[in-house]
């Protein structure tokens, strides 16, 4: 290990090699190496209001000796099953241009239990 490389606890390493852009152009394909495993994946910038379905929130620090190699600092691990999977914007909020109205699947399933059946009116 050279003096330029950051010392990590226990000499563990977690590095990412940047590849090309993703198909939608919003992220980059990566090859990630850490003790005992090598993974392929994507990195994308976080966007306000967009849920993180699963994965990790990471901070990448460019290495001085390479333009495409980054040290990975995991800030937060997001479990695979989250409440975000059950939250969907209502169709009316998307077309009206206002803020999204979201409700969980459990909320929708229990609507009738809470408020009773909706009665149809004849016109």
C-alpha atoms as a PDB file:
ATOM      1  CA  UNK A   1       0.000   0.000   0.000  1.00  0.00           C
ATOM      2  CA  UNK A   2       1.470   3.342  -0.992  1.00  0.00           C
ATOM      3  CA  UNK A   3       1.432   6.476   1.143  1.00  0.00           C
ATOM      4  CA  UNK A   4      -1.058   8.120  -1.268  1.00  0.00           C
ATOM      5  CA  UNK A   5      -3.792   5.508  -0.700  1.00  0.00           C
ATOM      6  CA  UNK A   6      -6.113   6.105   2.226  1.00  0.00           C
ATOM      7  CA  UNK A   7      -5.715   3.658   5.095  1.00  0.00           C
ATOM      8  CA  UNK A   8      -8.958   1.819   5.780  1.00  0.00           C
ATOM      9  CA  UNK A   9      -9.712  -0.020   9.005  1.00  0.00           C
ATOM     10  CA  UNK A  10      -8.313  -3.530   8.908  1.00  0.00           C
ATOM     11  CA  UNK A  11      -6.787  -2.906   5.461  1.00  0.00           C
ATOM     12  CA  UNK A  12     -10.225  -3.592   3.938  1.00  0.00           C
ATOM     13  CA  UNK A  13     -10.926  -2.108   0.549  1.00  0.00           C
ATOM     14  CA  UNK A  14     -14.096  -1.050  -1.223  1.00  0.00           C
ATOM     15  CA  UNK A  15     -13.483   0.439  -4.654  1.00  0.00           C
ATOM     16  CA  UNK A  16     -15.533   1.187  -7.767  1.00  0.00           C
ATOM     17  CA  UNK A  17     -14.342   1.293 -11.365  1.00  0.00           C
ATOM     18  CA  UNK A  18     -16.570   3.605 -13.427  1.00  0.00           C
ATOM     19  CA  UNK A  19     -17.804   2.354 -16.780  1.00  0.00           C
ATOM     20  CA  UNK A  20     -20.088   3.846 -19.390  1.00  0.00           C
ATOM     21  CA  UNK A  21     -23.371   5.658 -18.939  1.00  0.00           C
ATOM     22  CA  UNK A  22     -26.611   3.792 -18.211  1.00  0.00           C
ATOM     23  CA  UNK A  23     -29.168   3.410 -21.017  1.00  0.00           C
ATOM     24  CA  UNK A  24     -31.193   6.375 -19.757  1.00  0.00           C
ATOM     25  CA  UNK A  25     -28.066   8.526 -19.328  1.00  0.00           C
ATOM     26  CA  UNK A  26     -28.821   9.379 -15.681  1.00  0.00           C
ATOM     27  CA  UNK A  27     -26.210   7.121 -14.078  1.00  0.00           C
ATOM     28  CA  UNK A  28     -23.068   5.112 -14.717  1.00  0.00           C
ATOM     29  CA  UNK A  29     -22.335   1.412 -14.853  1.00  0.00           C
ATOM     30  CA  UNK A  30     -19.744   0.278 -12.330  1.00  0.00           C
ATOM     31  CA  UNK A  31     -17.604  -2.657 -11.289  1.00  0.00           C
ATOM     32  CA  UNK A  32     -17.227  -2.801  -7.496  1.00  0.00           C
ATOM     33  CA  UNK A  33     -14.562  -4.771  -5.624  1.00  0.00           C
ATOM     34  CA  UNK A  34     -14.560  -5.402  -1.885  1.00  0.00           C
ATOM     35  CA  UNK A  35     -13.220  -8.196   0.327  1.00  0.00           C
ATOM     36  CA  UNK A  36     -14.526 -11.536  -0.888  1.00  0.00           C
ATOM     37  CA  UNK A  37     -16.691 -10.277  -3.764  1.00  0.00           C
ATOM     38  CA  UNK A  38     -16.875  -8.421  -7.045  1.00  0.00           C
ATOM     39  CA  UNK A  39     -20.188  -6.918  -8.197  1.00  0.00           C
ATOM     40  CA  UNK A  40     -21.516  -5.087 -11.226  1.00  0.00           C
ATOM     41  CA  UNK A  41     -24.114  -2.381 -10.815  1.00  0.00           C
ATOM     42  CA  UNK A  42     -25.107   1.207 -11.375  1.00  0.00           C
ATOM     43  CA  UNK A  43     -24.610   4.455  -9.508  1.00  0.00           C
ATOM     44  CA  UNK A  44     -27.118   7.265  -9.820  1.00  0.00           C
ATOM     45  CA  UNK A  45     -27.443  10.666  -8.203  1.00  0.00           C
ATOM     46  CA  UNK A  46     -30.047  10.991  -5.473  1.00  0.00           C
ATOM     47  CA  UNK A  47     -33.074  13.067  -6.496  1.00  0.00           C
ATOM     48  CA  UNK A  48     -35.408  14.926  -4.153  1.00  0.00           C
ATOM     49  CA  UNK A  49     -38.758  13.184  -3.876  1.00  0.00           C
ATOM     50  CA  UNK A  50     -37.620   9.915  -5.470  1.00  0.00           C
ATOM     51  CA  UNK A  51     -37.645   6.874  -3.181  1.00  0.00           C
ATOM     52  CA  UNK A  52     -34.659   4.586  -2.902  1.00  0.00           C
ATOM     53  CA  UNK A  53     -36.044   1.086  -3.483  1.00  0.00           C
ATOM     54  CA  UNK A  54     -33.019  -0.835  -2.185  1.00  0.00           C
ATOM     55  CA  UNK A  55     -29.259  -0.739  -2.191  1.00  0.00           C
ATOM     56  CA  UNK A  56     -26.816   1.640  -0.581  1.00  0.00           C
ATOM     57  CA  UNK A  57     -26.333   5.376  -0.373  1.00  0.00           C
ATOM     58  CA  UNK A  58     -22.632   5.868  -1.035  1.00  0.00           C
ATOM     59  CA  UNK A  59     -20.132   8.676  -1.271  1.00  0.00           C
ATOM     60  CA  UNK A  60     -17.433   8.176  -3.882  1.00  0.00           C
ATOM     61  CA  UNK A  61     -13.966   9.634  -3.443  1.00  0.00           C
ATOM     62  CA  UNK A  62     -11.771   9.716  -6.558  1.00  0.00           C
ATOM     63  CA  UNK A  63      -8.361   8.132  -6.175  1.00  0.00           C
ATOM     64  CA  UNK A  64      -5.403  10.315  -7.049  1.00  0.00           C
ATOM     65  CA  UNK A  65      -3.760   7.651  -9.228  1.00  0.00           C
ATOM     66  CA  UNK A  66      -6.747   6.990 -11.529  1.00  0.00           C
ATOM     67  CA  UNK A  67      -9.556   9.025 -13.105  1.00  0.00           C
ATOM     68  CA  UNK A  68     -11.991   6.068 -13.174  1.00  0.00           C
ATOM     69  CA  UNK A  69     -11.267   4.466  -9.769  1.00  0.00           C
ATOM     70  CA  UNK A  70     -13.093   5.613  -6.626  1.00  0.00           C
ATOM     71  CA  UNK A  71     -13.037   4.631  -2.952  1.00  0.00           C
ATOM     72  CA  UNK A  72     -16.550   3.801  -1.712  1.00  0.00           C
ATOM     73  CA  UNK A  73     -17.861   5.172   1.594  1.00  0.00           C
ATOM     74  CA  UNK A  74     -21.230   3.603   2.507  1.00  0.00           C
ATOM     75  CA  UNK A  75     -23.431   6.253   4.151  1.00  0.00           C
ATOM     76  CA  UNK A  76     -26.633   4.195   4.505  1.00  0.00           C
ATOM     77  CA  UNK A  77     -27.851   0.684   3.635  1.00  0.00           C
ATOM     78  CA  UNK A  78     -31.448   0.576   2.357  1.00  0.00           C
ATOM     79  CA  UNK A  79     -33.137  -2.803   2.946  1.00  0.00           C
ATOM     80  CA  UNK A  80     -34.716  -4.562  -0.035  1.00  0.00           C
ATOM     81  CA  UNK A  81     -38.240  -4.508   1.408  1.00  0.00           C
ATOM     82  CA  UNK A  82     -39.246  -0.963   2.237  1.00  0.00           C
ATOM     83  CA  UNK A  83     -42.479   0.950   2.581  1.00  0.00           C
ATOM     84  CA  UNK A  84     -41.602   2.715  -0.683  1.00  0.00           C
ATOM     85  CA  UNK A  85     -42.662  -0.426  -2.584  1.00  0.00           C
ATOM     86  CA  UNK A  86     -46.212  -0.037  -1.297  1.00  0.00           C
ATOM     87  CA  UNK A  87     -46.517   3.680  -2.012  1.00  0.00           C
ATOM     88  CA  UNK A  88     -47.870   4.702  -5.384  1.00  0.00           C
ATOM     89  CA  UNK A  89     -49.024   8.127  -6.519  1.00  0.00           C
ATOM     90  CA  UNK A  90     -52.717   8.365  -7.263  1.00  0.00           C
ATOM     91  CA  UNK A  91     -53.591   8.787 -10.957  1.00  0.00           C
ATOM     92  CA  UNK A  92     -55.432  12.078 -10.387  1.00  0.00           C
ATOM     93  CA  UNK A  93     -52.430  13.782  -8.752  1.00  0.00           C
ATOM     94  CA  UNK A  94     -50.244  13.110 -11.790  1.00  0.00           C
ATOM     95  CA  UNK A  95     -52.626  14.719 -14.271  1.00  0.00           C
ATOM     96  CA  UNK A  96     -53.547  17.774 -12.177  1.00  0.00           C
ATOM     97  CA  UNK A  97     -49.981  19.002 -11.716  1.00  0.00           C
ATOM     98  CA  UNK A  98     -50.151  19.347  -7.926  1.00  0.00           C
ATOM     99  CA  UNK A  99     -48.014  17.559  -5.389  1.00  0.00           C
ATOM    100  CA  UNK A 100     -48.267  13.762  -5.579  1.00  0.00           C
ATOM    101  CA  UNK A 101     -50.848  12.167  -3.319  1.00  0.00           C
ATOM    102  CA  UNK A 102     -49.578   8.840  -2.066  1.00  0.00           C
ATOM    103  CA  UNK A 103     -51.224   6.053  -0.122  1.00  0.00           C
ATOM    104  CA  UNK A 104     -49.914   2.668   0.951  1.00  0.00           C
ATOM    105  CA  UNK A 105     -51.431  -0.574  -0.315  1.00  0.00           C
ATOM    106  CA  UNK A 106     -52.663  -1.314   3.245  1.00  0.00           C
ATOM    107  CA  UNK A 107     -54.458   2.059   3.334  1.00  0.00           C
ATOM    108  CA  UNK A 108     -56.261   1.305   0.083  1.00  0.00           C
ATOM    109  CA  UNK A 109     -57.133  -2.246   1.142  1.00  0.00           C
ATOM    110  CA  UNK A 110     -58.638  -1.056   4.436  1.00  0.00           C
ATOM    111  CA  UNK A 111     -60.599   1.922   3.071  1.00  0.00           C
ATOM    112  CA  UNK A 112     -63.922   0.091   3.177  1.00  0.00           C
ATOM    113  CA  UNK A 113     -63.289  -1.173   6.715  1.00  0.00           C
ATOM    114  CA  UNK A 114     -62.583   2.352   7.911  1.00  0.00           C
ATOM    115  CA  UNK A 115     -65.119   4.401   5.950  1.00  0.00           C
ATOM    116  CA  UNK A 116     -67.683   1.816   4.807  1.00  0.00           C
ATOM    117  CA  UNK A 117     -68.754   0.960   1.305  1.00  0.00           C
ATOM    118  CA  UNK A 118     -69.238   3.795  -1.141  1.00  0.00           C
ATOM    119  CA  UNK A 119     -72.858   4.072  -2.207  1.00  0.00           C
ATOM    120  CA  UNK A 120     -73.664   4.682  -5.806  1.00  0.00           C
ATOM    121  CA  UNK A 121     -76.040   7.468  -6.642  1.00  0.00           C
ATOM    122  CA  UNK A 122     -78.361   7.248  -9.582  1.00  0.00           C
ATOM    123  CA  UNK A 123     -78.431  10.252 -11.852  1.00  0.00           C
END
